[in-house]
């Protein structure tokens, strides 16, 4: 298979490399005289290779179109190697409670990789990383990490993961479950691909009290519903436009008013703005970029389904996960488990 990586260098993925990922009997390379045209999976059919990426997505109506748009627009923003901070690495190891030694040489399935902020961390552990996204965001990840020998990257659906059951040592899915049309089914599809003694870590936005979350107040979703007629491009232009004048004001309110007062003021005003001035050590320029990115992320999602801690536990039980817990985490709640019922 021929493809261009972020450095515009030509790289060849051979059958031997597919064997490295345990796919010798699962994915069949289909070639012509110019190289590989597609990959065939007996269970999931033919995946055309476009831009160097196998595409197992068949639906033209992609509910994650906004994520593809945003991650190609902000392809490097949240990478630790680009931001200069260790936010993603710290979040990954704290919320999964996995170690580099746990992951080295193991098969890890990353679901909903976006631009690859967590892909970067997984690759740094020496794991064999199988990463996919339903949206065109996979192209941003490809530009960032496509050259890495331990990465198998493709576009696909969580409901039709093109690998055998009981295949992966680890399943990782952050920032995704709440944006799927059927979260219980999505979680069950993930678990099927995990080995009987495998480990899984999945997070989800929290419902209820805003005290345990950095997400904005409920007015934001009301705004999002009113803006649902906008295309991703137009919604982004709208968000970027009002942040030019509102972000400085929002920052002033957060930094000049006492912590007991500014949340109430901002809640009353109700203008969507993810401002991390008190929580993430970024420059002013970076804070503004992250604010535009995460505000667009919140307003543009087709599906947004937060859960209570009890509801998340019920999802884990329904998905037949053994030895799991649901705990508070960076993005709300995280479900960590080991093993599944046969």
C-alpha atoms as a PDB file:
ATOM      1  CA  UNK A   1       0.000   0.000   0.000  1.00  0.00           C
ATOM      2  CA  UNK A   2       1.422   3.381  -0.981  1.00  0.00           C
ATOM      3  CA  UNK A   3       0.677   6.554   0.872  1.00  0.00           C
ATOM      4  CA  UNK A   4       2.036   9.991   1.681  1.00  0.00           C
ATOM      5  CA  UNK A   5       2.751  10.867   5.269  1.00  0.00           C
ATOM      6  CA  UNK A   6       2.933  14.329   6.809  1.00  0.00           C
ATOM      7  CA  UNK A   7       6.449  14.803   5.417  1.00  0.00           C
ATOM      8  CA  UNK A   8       5.332  13.856   1.899  1.00  0.00           C
ATOM      9  CA  UNK A   9       7.647  10.861   1.934  1.00  0.00           C
ATOM     10  CA  UNK A  10       6.594   7.628   0.272  1.00  0.00           C
ATOM     11  CA  UNK A  11       6.158   4.625   2.522  1.00  0.00           C
ATOM     12  CA  UNK A  12       5.145   1.085   1.655  1.00  0.00           C
ATOM     13  CA  UNK A  13       3.025  -1.140   3.888  1.00  0.00           C
ATOM     14  CA  UNK A  14       3.687  -4.732   2.889  1.00  0.00           C
ATOM     15  CA  UNK A  15       1.943  -7.962   3.661  1.00  0.00           C
ATOM     16  CA  UNK A  16       4.690  -8.579   6.214  1.00  0.00           C
ATOM     17  CA  UNK A  17       3.684  -5.423   8.039  1.00  0.00           C
ATOM     18  CA  UNK A  18       0.059  -6.520   8.073  1.00  0.00           C
ATOM     19  CA  UNK A  19       1.302  -9.776   9.545  1.00  0.00           C
ATOM     20  CA  UNK A  20       2.968  -7.732  12.289  1.00  0.00           C
ATOM     21  CA  UNK A  21      -0.492  -6.515  13.276  1.00  0.00           C
ATOM     22  CA  UNK A  22      -1.928 -10.045  13.156  1.00  0.00           C
ATOM     23  CA  UNK A  23      -3.988  -9.375  10.038  1.00  0.00           C
ATOM     24  CA  UNK A  24      -2.609 -12.020   7.679  1.00  0.00           C
ATOM     25  CA  UNK A  25      -5.937 -13.905   7.743  1.00  0.00           C
ATOM     26  CA  UNK A  26      -8.176 -10.854   8.219  1.00  0.00           C
ATOM     27  CA  UNK A  27      -7.220  -8.117   5.745  1.00  0.00           C
ATOM     28  CA  UNK A  28      -6.331  -8.940   2.141  1.00  0.00           C
ATOM     29  CA  UNK A  29      -4.434  -6.370   0.083  1.00  0.00           C
ATOM     30  CA  UNK A  30      -5.915  -5.813  -3.363  1.00  0.00           C
ATOM     31  CA  UNK A  31      -3.353  -4.374  -5.770  1.00  0.00           C
ATOM     32  CA  UNK A  32      -2.850  -3.327  -9.354  1.00  0.00           C
ATOM     33  CA  UNK A  33       0.330  -2.345 -11.155  1.00  0.00           C
ATOM     34  CA  UNK A  34       0.483   1.017  -9.316  1.00  0.00           C
ATOM     35  CA  UNK A  35       0.113  -0.360  -5.789  1.00  0.00           C
ATOM     36  CA  UNK A  36      -2.621  -1.278  -3.365  1.00  0.00           C
ATOM     37  CA  UNK A  37      -6.120  -0.058  -4.245  1.00  0.00           C
ATOM     38  CA  UNK A  38      -8.139  -1.529  -1.410  1.00  0.00           C
ATOM     39  CA  UNK A  39      -8.276  -3.874   1.533  1.00  0.00           C
ATOM     40  CA  UNK A  40     -10.757  -6.711   1.652  1.00  0.00           C
ATOM     41  CA  UNK A  41     -12.126  -8.074   4.917  1.00  0.00           C
ATOM     42  CA  UNK A  42     -14.307 -11.190   4.701  1.00  0.00           C
ATOM     43  CA  UNK A  43     -16.471  -9.901   7.551  1.00  0.00           C
ATOM     44  CA  UNK A  44     -16.800  -6.273   6.455  1.00  0.00           C
ATOM     45  CA  UNK A  45     -16.208  -6.193   2.721  1.00  0.00           C
ATOM     46  CA  UNK A  46     -13.976  -3.978   0.613  1.00  0.00           C
ATOM     47  CA  UNK A  47     -12.393  -0.811   1.989  1.00  0.00           C
ATOM     48  CA  UNK A  48     -11.150   1.589  -0.646  1.00  0.00           C
ATOM     49  CA  UNK A  49      -7.862   3.279   0.104  1.00  0.00           C
ATOM     50  CA  UNK A  50      -8.129   7.050  -0.303  1.00  0.00           C
ATOM     51  CA  UNK A  51      -5.316   9.362   0.701  1.00  0.00           C
ATOM     52  CA  UNK A  52      -3.449   6.356   2.039  1.00  0.00           C
ATOM     53  CA  UNK A  53      -6.241   5.447   4.481  1.00  0.00           C
ATOM     54  CA  UNK A  54      -8.476   2.345   4.296  1.00  0.00           C
ATOM     55  CA  UNK A  55     -12.091   3.570   4.408  1.00  0.00           C
ATOM     56  CA  UNK A  56     -14.548   1.139   5.958  1.00  0.00           C
ATOM     57  CA  UNK A  57     -17.197   3.876   6.096  1.00  0.00           C
ATOM     58  CA  UNK A  58     -19.941   3.375   3.526  1.00  0.00           C
ATOM     59  CA  UNK A  59     -22.575   5.913   4.598  1.00  0.00           C
ATOM     60  CA  UNK A  60     -22.599   9.267   2.842  1.00  0.00           C
ATOM     61  CA  UNK A  61     -24.615  10.693   5.761  1.00  0.00           C
ATOM     62  CA  UNK A  62     -21.833  10.921   8.327  1.00  0.00           C
ATOM     63  CA  UNK A  63     -23.124  12.157  11.698  1.00  0.00           C
ATOM     64  CA  UNK A  64     -19.578  13.094  12.734  1.00  0.00           C
ATOM     65  CA  UNK A  65     -18.933  15.525   9.882  1.00  0.00           C
ATOM     66  CA  UNK A  66     -18.317  18.389  12.323  1.00  0.00           C
ATOM     67  CA  UNK A  67     -15.505  16.462  14.031  1.00  0.00           C
ATOM     68  CA  UNK A  68     -13.793  15.827  10.724  1.00  0.00           C
ATOM     69  CA  UNK A  69     -13.955  19.535   9.977  1.00  0.00           C
ATOM     70  CA  UNK A  70     -12.676  20.641  13.388  1.00  0.00           C
ATOM     71  CA  UNK A  71      -9.745  18.242  13.650  1.00  0.00           C
ATOM     72  CA  UNK A  72      -8.473  19.075  10.199  1.00  0.00           C
ATOM     73  CA  UNK A  73      -8.745  22.737  11.200  1.00  0.00           C
ATOM     74  CA  UNK A  74      -7.010  22.162  14.581  1.00  0.00           C
ATOM     75  CA  UNK A  75      -4.812  19.206  13.643  1.00  0.00           C
ATOM     76  CA  UNK A  76      -2.011  19.941  16.126  1.00  0.00           C
ATOM     77  CA  UNK A  77      -3.626  22.152  18.761  1.00  0.00           C
ATOM     78  CA  UNK A  78      -4.040  19.514  21.477  1.00  0.00           C
ATOM     79  CA  UNK A  79      -0.940  17.429  20.807  1.00  0.00           C
ATOM     80  CA  UNK A  80       1.402  17.530  23.809  1.00  0.00           C
ATOM     81  CA  UNK A  81       4.343  17.742  21.410  1.00  0.00           C
ATOM     82  CA  UNK A  82       2.837  20.926  19.954  1.00  0.00           C
ATOM     83  CA  UNK A  83       1.280  22.611  23.007  1.00  0.00           C
ATOM     84  CA  UNK A  84       4.370  22.152  25.153  1.00  0.00           C
ATOM     85  CA  UNK A  85       2.405  20.764  28.106  1.00  0.00           C
ATOM     86  CA  UNK A  86       1.688  17.203  29.265  1.00  0.00           C
ATOM     87  CA  UNK A  87      -2.086  17.539  29.630  1.00  0.00           C
ATOM     88  CA  UNK A  88      -2.949  14.645  27.303  1.00  0.00           C
ATOM     89  CA  UNK A  89      -0.294  12.328  28.711  1.00  0.00           C
ATOM     90  CA  UNK A  90      -1.272  13.120  32.301  1.00  0.00           C
ATOM     91  CA  UNK A  91      -4.948  12.590  31.540  1.00  0.00           C
ATOM     92  CA  UNK A  92      -4.308   9.331  29.716  1.00  0.00           C
ATOM     93  CA  UNK A  93      -2.259   7.617  32.403  1.00  0.00           C
ATOM     94  CA  UNK A  94      -4.304   8.990  35.312  1.00  0.00           C
ATOM     95  CA  UNK A  95      -7.729   8.138  33.906  1.00  0.00           C
ATOM     96  CA  UNK A  96      -6.844   4.729  32.414  1.00  0.00           C
ATOM     97  CA  UNK A  97      -4.491   3.747  35.259  1.00  0.00           C
ATOM     98  CA  UNK A  98      -2.426   1.887  32.663  1.00  0.00           C
ATOM     99  CA  UNK A  99       1.360   2.119  32.555  1.00  0.00           C
ATOM    100  CA  UNK A 100       3.849   2.181  29.712  1.00  0.00           C
ATOM    101  CA  UNK A 101       5.012  -1.290  30.759  1.00  0.00           C
ATOM    102  CA  UNK A 102       1.417  -2.559  30.532  1.00  0.00           C
ATOM    103  CA  UNK A 103       1.064  -1.371  26.945  1.00  0.00           C
ATOM    104  CA  UNK A 104       4.440  -2.089  25.386  1.00  0.00           C
ATOM    105  CA  UNK A 105       4.101  -4.590  22.549  1.00  0.00           C
ATOM    106  CA  UNK A 106       0.374  -5.097  23.188  1.00  0.00           C
ATOM    107  CA  UNK A 107      -2.507  -4.650  20.762  1.00  0.00           C
ATOM    108  CA  UNK A 108      -4.431  -1.463  21.580  1.00  0.00           C
ATOM    109  CA  UNK A 109      -7.602  -0.406  19.769  1.00  0.00           C
ATOM    110  CA  UNK A 110      -8.157   3.364  19.848  1.00  0.00           C
ATOM    111  CA  UNK A 111     -11.731   4.325  18.993  1.00  0.00           C
ATOM    112  CA  UNK A 112     -12.430   7.862  17.776  1.00  0.00           C
ATOM    113  CA  UNK A 113      -8.861   9.129  17.495  1.00  0.00           C
ATOM    114  CA  UNK A 114      -9.577  12.616  16.157  1.00  0.00           C
ATOM    115  CA  UNK A 115      -6.325  14.353  15.249  1.00  0.00           C
ATOM    116  CA  UNK A 116      -4.337  11.870  17.311  1.00  0.00           C
ATOM    117  CA  UNK A 117      -3.685  13.539  20.672  1.00  0.00           C
ATOM    118  CA  UNK A 118      -3.964  10.169  22.439  1.00  0.00           C
ATOM    119  CA  UNK A 119      -2.494   8.272  19.476  1.00  0.00           C
ATOM    120  CA  UNK A 120       0.735  10.156  20.170  1.00  0.00           C
ATOM    121  CA  UNK A 121       0.763   8.950  23.782  1.00  0.00           C
ATOM    122  CA  UNK A 122      -0.101   5.359  22.877  1.00  0.00           C
ATOM    123  CA  UNK A 123       2.680   5.216  20.278  1.00  0.00           C
ATOM    124  CA  UNK A 124       5.164   6.511  22.842  1.00  0.00           C
ATOM    125  CA  UNK A 125       4.527   3.404  24.977  1.00  0.00           C
ATOM    126  CA  UNK A 126       5.653   0.965  22.271  1.00  0.00           C
ATOM    127  CA  UNK A 127       2.165  -0.476  21.816  1.00  0.00           C
ATOM    128  CA  UNK A 128       0.805  -1.752  18.501  1.00  0.00           C
ATOM    129  CA  UNK A 129      -1.859   0.903  17.930  1.00  0.00           C
ATOM    130  CA  UNK A 130      -4.935   0.175  15.795  1.00  0.00           C
ATOM    131  CA  UNK A 131      -6.634   3.557  15.518  1.00  0.00           C
ATOM    132  CA  UNK A 132      -9.723   4.751  13.715  1.00  0.00           C
ATOM    133  CA  UNK A 133     -12.270   7.534  13.495  1.00  0.00           C
ATOM    134  CA  UNK A 134     -15.676   7.624  11.849  1.00  0.00           C
ATOM    135  CA  UNK A 135     -15.052  11.115  10.510  1.00  0.00           C
ATOM    136  CA  UNK A 136     -12.504  12.618   8.154  1.00  0.00           C
ATOM    137  CA  UNK A 137     -10.511  13.541  11.280  1.00  0.00           C
ATOM    138  CA  UNK A 138      -8.548  10.375  10.513  1.00  0.00           C
ATOM    139  CA  UNK A 139      -6.809  12.431   7.823  1.00  0.00           C
ATOM    140  CA  UNK A 140      -5.450  14.838  10.464  1.00  0.00           C
ATOM    141  CA  UNK A 141      -4.183  11.889  12.508  1.00  0.00           C
ATOM    142  CA  UNK A 142      -2.620  10.457   9.373  1.00  0.00           C
ATOM    143  CA  UNK A 143      -0.762  13.727   8.737  1.00  0.00           C
ATOM    144  CA  UNK A 144       0.478  13.754  12.339  1.00  0.00           C
ATOM    145  CA  UNK A 145       1.364  10.103  12.884  1.00  0.00           C
ATOM    146  CA  UNK A 146       0.921   8.155   9.644  1.00  0.00           C
ATOM    147  CA  UNK A 147       4.655   7.582   9.313  1.00  0.00           C
ATOM    148  CA  UNK A 148       4.878   5.569  12.554  1.00  0.00           C
ATOM    149  CA  UNK A 149       5.659   1.858  12.117  1.00  0.00           C
ATOM    150  CA  UNK A 150       3.479   0.829  15.074  1.00  0.00           C
ATOM    151  CA  UNK A 151       0.322   2.545  13.828  1.00  0.00           C
ATOM    152  CA  UNK A 152      -2.441   0.972  11.764  1.00  0.00           C
ATOM    153  CA  UNK A 153      -4.846   3.785  10.886  1.00  0.00           C
ATOM    154  CA  UNK A 154      -8.222   3.516   9.145  1.00  0.00           C
ATOM    155  CA  UNK A 155     -11.647   5.132   8.881  1.00  0.00           C
ATOM    156  CA  UNK A 156     -14.456   3.066  10.314  1.00  0.00           C
ATOM    157  CA  UNK A 157     -17.532   2.812  12.505  1.00  0.00           C
ATOM    158  CA  UNK A 158     -17.627   1.708  16.130  1.00  0.00           C
ATOM    159  CA  UNK A 159     -20.609  -0.452  15.160  1.00  0.00           C
ATOM    160  CA  UNK A 160     -18.632  -2.344  12.492  1.00  0.00           C
ATOM    161  CA  UNK A 161     -15.062  -2.696  13.744  1.00  0.00           C
ATOM    162  CA  UNK A 162     -13.270  -4.726  11.018  1.00  0.00           C
ATOM    163  CA  UNK A 163     -11.403  -7.151  13.284  1.00  0.00           C
ATOM    164  CA  UNK A 164     -12.230 -10.527  14.797  1.00  0.00           C
ATOM    165  CA  UNK A 165     -13.810 -10.741  18.236  1.00  0.00           C
ATOM    166  CA  UNK A 166     -11.447 -11.349  21.188  1.00  0.00           C
ATOM    167  CA  UNK A 167      -8.564  -9.663  19.308  1.00  0.00           C
ATOM    168  CA  UNK A 168      -7.298  -6.744  21.424  1.00  0.00           C
ATOM    169  CA  UNK A 169      -5.419  -6.581  24.705  1.00  0.00           C
ATOM    170  CA  UNK A 170      -6.624  -3.032  25.409  1.00  0.00           C
ATOM    171  CA  UNK A 171      -9.603  -0.959  24.258  1.00  0.00           C
ATOM    172  CA  UNK A 172      -9.336   2.825  24.590  1.00  0.00           C
ATOM    173  CA  UNK A 173     -12.107   5.335  23.871  1.00  0.00           C
ATOM    174  CA  UNK A 174     -12.055   8.906  25.254  1.00  0.00           C
ATOM    175  CA  UNK A 175     -14.329  11.749  24.193  1.00  0.00           C
ATOM    176  CA  UNK A 176     -16.433   9.607  21.871  1.00  0.00           C
ATOM    177  CA  UNK A 177     -19.168   7.502  23.500  1.00  0.00           C
ATOM    178  CA  UNK A 178     -21.492  10.427  24.259  1.00  0.00           C
ATOM    179  CA  UNK A 179     -21.377  11.462  20.590  1.00  0.00           C
ATOM    180  CA  UNK A 180     -22.587   8.135  19.166  1.00  0.00           C
ATOM    181  CA  UNK A 181     -26.251   7.578  18.200  1.00  0.00           C
ATOM    182  CA  UNK A 182     -26.546   4.451  20.392  1.00  0.00           C
ATOM    183  CA  UNK A 183     -24.009   4.456  23.279  1.00  0.00           C
ATOM    184  CA  UNK A 184     -25.055   1.073  24.787  1.00  0.00           C
ATOM    185  CA  UNK A 185     -24.635  -0.634  21.424  1.00  0.00           C
ATOM    186  CA  UNK A 186     -21.355   1.208  20.787  1.00  0.00           C
ATOM    187  CA  UNK A 187     -19.904   0.018  24.097  1.00  0.00           C
ATOM    188  CA  UNK A 188     -21.034  -3.545  23.464  1.00  0.00           C
ATOM    189  CA  UNK A 189     -19.371  -3.505  20.017  1.00  0.00           C
ATOM    190  CA  UNK A 190     -16.098  -2.381  21.613  1.00  0.00           C
ATOM    191  CA  UNK A 191     -16.176  -5.089  24.262  1.00  0.00           C
ATOM    192  CA  UNK A 192     -16.690  -7.832  21.676  1.00  0.00           C
ATOM    193  CA  UNK A 193     -13.289  -7.019  20.182  1.00  0.00           C
ATOM    194  CA  UNK A 194     -11.513  -7.251  23.553  1.00  0.00           C
ATOM    195  CA  UNK A 195      -9.779 -10.440  24.637  1.00  0.00           C
ATOM    196  CA  UNK A 196     -11.511 -12.320  27.490  1.00  0.00           C
ATOM    197  CA  UNK A 197      -8.906 -10.967  29.946  1.00  0.00           C
ATOM    198  CA  UNK A 198      -8.391  -7.654  28.145  1.00  0.00           C
ATOM    199  CA  UNK A 199      -8.690  -4.187  29.622  1.00  0.00           C
ATOM    200  CA  UNK A 200     -10.942  -1.299  28.625  1.00  0.00           C
ATOM    201  CA  UNK A 201     -11.101   2.425  29.446  1.00  0.00           C
ATOM    202  CA  UNK A 202     -13.980   4.587  28.203  1.00  0.00           C
ATOM    203  CA  UNK A 203     -15.071   8.023  29.368  1.00  0.00           C
ATOM    204  CA  UNK A 204     -18.324   9.964  29.081  1.00  0.00           C
ATOM    205  CA  UNK A 205     -19.623  13.438  29.863  1.00  0.00           C
ATOM    206  CA  UNK A 206     -21.472  13.651  33.193  1.00  0.00           C
ATOM    207  CA  UNK A 207     -25.125  14.538  33.566  1.00  0.00           C
ATOM    208  CA  UNK A 208     -26.303  16.642  36.470  1.00  0.00           C
ATOM    209  CA  UNK A 209     -24.167  18.869  38.671  1.00  0.00           C
ATOM    210  CA  UNK A 210     -21.643  21.113  36.940  1.00  0.00           C
ATOM    211  CA  UNK A 211     -19.420  20.934  40.038  1.00  0.00           C
ATOM    212  CA  UNK A 212     -17.751  17.768  38.787  1.00  0.00           C
ATOM    213  CA  UNK A 213     -17.167  18.891  35.233  1.00  0.00           C
ATOM    214  CA  UNK A 214     -15.409  21.561  33.221  1.00  0.00           C
ATOM    215  CA  UNK A 215     -18.178  21.539  30.638  1.00  0.00           C
ATOM    216  CA  UNK A 216     -20.324  24.663  30.166  1.00  0.00           C
ATOM    217  CA  UNK A 217     -23.813  25.184  31.488  1.00  0.00           C
ATOM    218  CA  UNK A 218     -26.936  23.757  29.887  1.00  0.00           C
ATOM    219  CA  UNK A 219     -27.583  26.978  27.967  1.00  0.00           C
ATOM    220  CA  UNK A 220     -24.853  25.883  25.557  1.00  0.00           C
ATOM    221  CA  UNK A 221     -26.845  22.927  24.285  1.00  0.00           C
ATOM    222  CA  UNK A 222     -29.864  25.209  23.824  1.00  0.00           C
ATOM    223  CA  UNK A 223     -27.696  27.466  21.692  1.00  0.00           C
ATOM    224  CA  UNK A 224     -26.414  24.442  19.773  1.00  0.00           C
ATOM    225  CA  UNK A 225     -29.921  23.289  18.917  1.00  0.00           C
ATOM    226  CA  UNK A 226     -30.746  26.738  17.574  1.00  0.00           C
ATOM    227  CA  UNK A 227     -27.603  26.663  15.449  1.00  0.00           C
ATOM    228  CA  UNK A 228     -28.111  23.133  14.154  1.00  0.00           C
ATOM    229  CA  UNK A 229     -29.074  24.415  10.714  1.00  0.00           C
ATOM    230  CA  UNK A 230     -25.545  25.715  10.165  1.00  0.00           C
ATOM    231  CA  UNK A 231     -22.965  23.691   8.266  1.00  0.00           C
ATOM    232  CA  UNK A 232     -19.741  22.927  10.165  1.00  0.00           C
ATOM    233  CA  UNK A 233     -17.949  25.604   8.165  1.00  0.00           C
ATOM    234  CA  UNK A 234     -20.546  28.284   8.909  1.00  0.00           C
ATOM    235  CA  UNK A 235     -20.816  27.306  12.568  1.00  0.00           C
ATOM    236  CA  UNK A 236     -17.042  27.534  12.904  1.00  0.00           C
ATOM    237  CA  UNK A 237     -16.986  30.967  11.287  1.00  0.00           C
ATOM    238  CA  UNK A 238     -19.703  32.101  13.715  1.00  0.00           C
ATOM    239  CA  UNK A 239     -17.807  30.786  16.758  1.00  0.00           C
ATOM    240  CA  UNK A 240     -14.505  32.273  15.624  1.00  0.00           C
ATOM    241  CA  UNK A 241     -16.169  35.627  14.893  1.00  0.00           C
ATOM    242  CA  UNK A 242     -17.749  36.198  18.295  1.00  0.00           C
ATOM    243  CA  UNK A 243     -14.679  34.930  20.145  1.00  0.00           C
ATOM    244  CA  UNK A 244     -12.713  37.856  18.713  1.00  0.00           C
ATOM    245  CA  UNK A 245     -14.551  40.248  21.034  1.00  0.00           C
ATOM    246  CA  UNK A 246     -16.041  37.932  23.661  1.00  0.00           C
ATOM    247  CA  UNK A 247     -12.954  35.910  24.675  1.00  0.00           C
ATOM    248  CA  UNK A 248     -11.100  38.959  26.128  1.00  0.00           C
ATOM    249  CA  UNK A 249     -14.218  39.908  28.099  1.00  0.00           C
ATOM    250  CA  UNK A 250     -14.739  36.342  29.298  1.00  0.00           C
ATOM    251  CA  UNK A 251     -11.093  36.199  30.397  1.00  0.00           C
ATOM    252  CA  UNK A 252     -11.410  39.503  32.234  1.00  0.00           C
ATOM    253  CA  UNK A 253     -14.492  38.280  34.109  1.00  0.00           C
ATOM    254  CA  UNK A 254     -12.763  35.059  35.111  1.00  0.00           C
ATOM    255  CA  UNK A 255      -9.560  36.728  36.272  1.00  0.00           C
ATOM    256  CA  UNK A 256     -10.944  39.843  37.969  1.00  0.00           C
ATOM    257  CA  UNK A 257     -13.978  38.455  39.773  1.00  0.00           C
ATOM    258  CA  UNK A 258     -13.637  36.085  42.753  1.00  0.00           C
ATOM    259  CA  UNK A 259     -14.050  32.330  42.103  1.00  0.00           C
ATOM    260  CA  UNK A 260     -17.345  32.333  43.963  1.00  0.00           C
ATOM    261  CA  UNK A 261     -18.817  35.016  41.710  1.00  0.00           C
ATOM    262  CA  UNK A 262     -17.558  34.695  38.122  1.00  0.00           C
ATOM    263  CA  UNK A 263     -19.255  31.307  37.396  1.00  0.00           C
ATOM    264  CA  UNK A 264     -22.615  32.799  38.340  1.00  0.00           C
ATOM    265  CA  UNK A 265     -22.033  35.840  36.142  1.00  0.00           C
ATOM    266  CA  UNK A 266     -21.004  33.747  33.143  1.00  0.00           C
ATOM    267  CA  UNK A 267     -23.887  31.335  33.683  1.00  0.00           C
ATOM    268  CA  UNK A 268     -26.323  34.253  33.676  1.00  0.00           C
ATOM    269  CA  UNK A 269     -24.829  35.719  30.498  1.00  0.00           C
ATOM    270  CA  UNK A 270     -24.831  32.292  28.851  1.00  0.00           C
ATOM    271  CA  UNK A 271     -22.432  32.984  25.963  1.00  0.00           C
ATOM    272  CA  UNK A 272     -20.639  29.740  24.999  1.00  0.00           C
ATOM    273  CA  UNK A 273     -16.892  29.974  25.624  1.00  0.00           C
ATOM    274  CA  UNK A 274     -14.592  27.213  26.864  1.00  0.00           C
ATOM    275  CA  UNK A 275     -11.975  29.288  28.645  1.00  0.00           C
ATOM    276  CA  UNK A 276      -9.289  27.338  30.519  1.00  0.00           C
ATOM    277  CA  UNK A 277      -7.465  30.364  31.923  1.00  0.00           C
ATOM    278  CA  UNK A 278      -7.538  28.917  35.465  1.00  0.00           C
ATOM    279  CA  UNK A 279      -7.056  25.246  34.620  1.00  0.00           C
ATOM    280  CA  UNK A 280      -4.530  24.761  31.789  1.00  0.00           C
ATOM    281  CA  UNK A 281      -1.135  26.527  31.678  1.00  0.00           C
ATOM    282  CA  UNK A 282      -1.300  27.899  28.140  1.00  0.00           C
ATOM    283  CA  UNK A 283      -0.383  31.221  26.583  1.00  0.00           C
ATOM    284  CA  UNK A 284      -3.182  33.695  25.858  1.00  0.00           C
ATOM    285  CA  UNK A 285      -3.019  32.827  22.161  1.00  0.00           C
ATOM    286  CA  UNK A 286      -3.267  29.099  22.946  1.00  0.00           C
ATOM    287  CA  UNK A 287      -6.131  29.643  25.388  1.00  0.00           C
ATOM    288  CA  UNK A 288      -8.092  31.452  22.700  1.00  0.00           C
ATOM    289  CA  UNK A 289      -7.388  28.724  20.140  1.00  0.00           C
ATOM    290  CA  UNK A 290      -8.512  26.022  22.599  1.00  0.00           C
ATOM    291  CA  UNK A 291     -11.619  28.063  23.442  1.00  0.00           C
ATOM    292  CA  UNK A 292     -12.671  28.272  19.796  1.00  0.00           C
ATOM    293  CA  UNK A 293     -11.941  24.577  19.270  1.00  0.00           C
ATOM    294  CA  UNK A 294     -13.831  23.276  22.308  1.00  0.00           C
ATOM    295  CA  UNK A 295     -16.753  25.689  21.919  1.00  0.00           C
ATOM    296  CA  UNK A 296     -17.196  24.560  18.327  1.00  0.00           C
ATOM    297  CA  UNK A 297     -16.862  20.956  19.525  1.00  0.00           C
ATOM    298  CA  UNK A 298     -19.680  21.454  22.053  1.00  0.00           C
ATOM    299  CA  UNK A 299     -22.020  23.278  19.692  1.00  0.00           C
ATOM    300  CA  UNK A 300     -21.447  21.156  16.599  1.00  0.00           C
ATOM    301  CA  UNK A 301     -22.012  17.595  17.846  1.00  0.00           C
ATOM    302  CA  UNK A 302     -24.983  15.806  16.305  1.00  0.00           C
ATOM    303  CA  UNK A 303     -25.335  13.631  19.402  1.00  0.00           C
ATOM    304  CA  UNK A 304     -24.486  14.640  22.964  1.00  0.00           C
ATOM    305  CA  UNK A 305     -25.575  12.161  25.630  1.00  0.00           C
ATOM    306  CA  UNK A 306     -24.180  12.747  29.149  1.00  0.00           C
ATOM    307  CA  UNK A 307     -24.755  10.103  31.818  1.00  0.00           C
ATOM    308  CA  UNK A 308     -24.970   9.855  35.574  1.00  0.00           C
ATOM    309  CA  UNK A 309     -22.496   7.627  37.380  1.00  0.00           C
ATOM    310  CA  UNK A 310     -25.246   5.057  37.942  1.00  0.00           C
ATOM    311  CA  UNK A 311     -26.244   5.077  34.280  1.00  0.00           C
ATOM    312  CA  UNK A 312     -22.640   4.541  33.233  1.00  0.00           C
ATOM    313  CA  UNK A 313     -22.379   1.565  35.600  1.00  0.00           C
ATOM    314  CA  UNK A 314     -25.519   0.137  34.035  1.00  0.00           C
ATOM    315  CA  UNK A 315     -23.933   0.461  30.586  1.00  0.00           C
ATOM    316  CA  UNK A 316     -20.902  -1.475  31.808  1.00  0.00           C
ATOM    317  CA  UNK A 317     -23.109  -4.262  33.142  1.00  0.00           C
ATOM    318  CA  UNK A 318     -25.107  -4.371  29.929  1.00  0.00           C
ATOM    319  CA  UNK A 319     -21.897  -4.636  27.882  1.00  0.00           C
ATOM    320  CA  UNK A 320     -20.857  -7.698  29.947  1.00  0.00           C
ATOM    321  CA  UNK A 321     -17.675  -6.101  31.328  1.00  0.00           C
ATOM    322  CA  UNK A 322     -16.192  -7.788  34.398  1.00  0.00           C
ATOM    323  CA  UNK A 323     -14.239  -6.204  37.262  1.00  0.00           C
ATOM    324  CA  UNK A 324     -15.017  -2.622  36.339  1.00  0.00           C
ATOM    325  CA  UNK A 325     -15.451   0.651  38.156  1.00  0.00           C
ATOM    326  CA  UNK A 326     -16.868   4.037  37.171  1.00  0.00           C
ATOM    327  CA  UNK A 327     -14.916   6.906  38.684  1.00  0.00           C
ATOM    328  CA  UNK A 328     -14.653  10.677  38.394  1.00  0.00           C
ATOM    329  CA  UNK A 329     -12.233  11.697  35.652  1.00  0.00           C
ATOM    330  CA  UNK A 330     -10.985  14.665  33.649  1.00  0.00           C
ATOM    331  CA  UNK A 331     -13.918  14.632  31.252  1.00  0.00           C
ATOM    332  CA  UNK A 332     -16.611  13.534  33.700  1.00  0.00           C
ATOM    333  CA  UNK A 333     -16.643   9.791  34.347  1.00  0.00           C
ATOM    334  CA  UNK A 334     -14.339   6.983  33.243  1.00  0.00           C
ATOM    335  CA  UNK A 335     -15.209   3.290  33.117  1.00  0.00           C
ATOM    336  CA  UNK A 336     -12.184   1.066  33.711  1.00  0.00           C
ATOM    337  CA  UNK A 337     -12.585  -2.673  33.430  1.00  0.00           C
ATOM    338  CA  UNK A 338     -10.798  -5.967  32.958  1.00  0.00           C
ATOM    339  CA  UNK A 339     -12.321  -9.044  31.371  1.00  0.00           C
ATOM    340  CA  UNK A 340     -15.747  -9.836  29.963  1.00  0.00           C
ATOM    341  CA  UNK A 341     -18.380 -12.501  30.321  1.00  0.00           C
ATOM    342  CA  UNK A 342     -18.161 -15.305  27.793  1.00  0.00           C
END
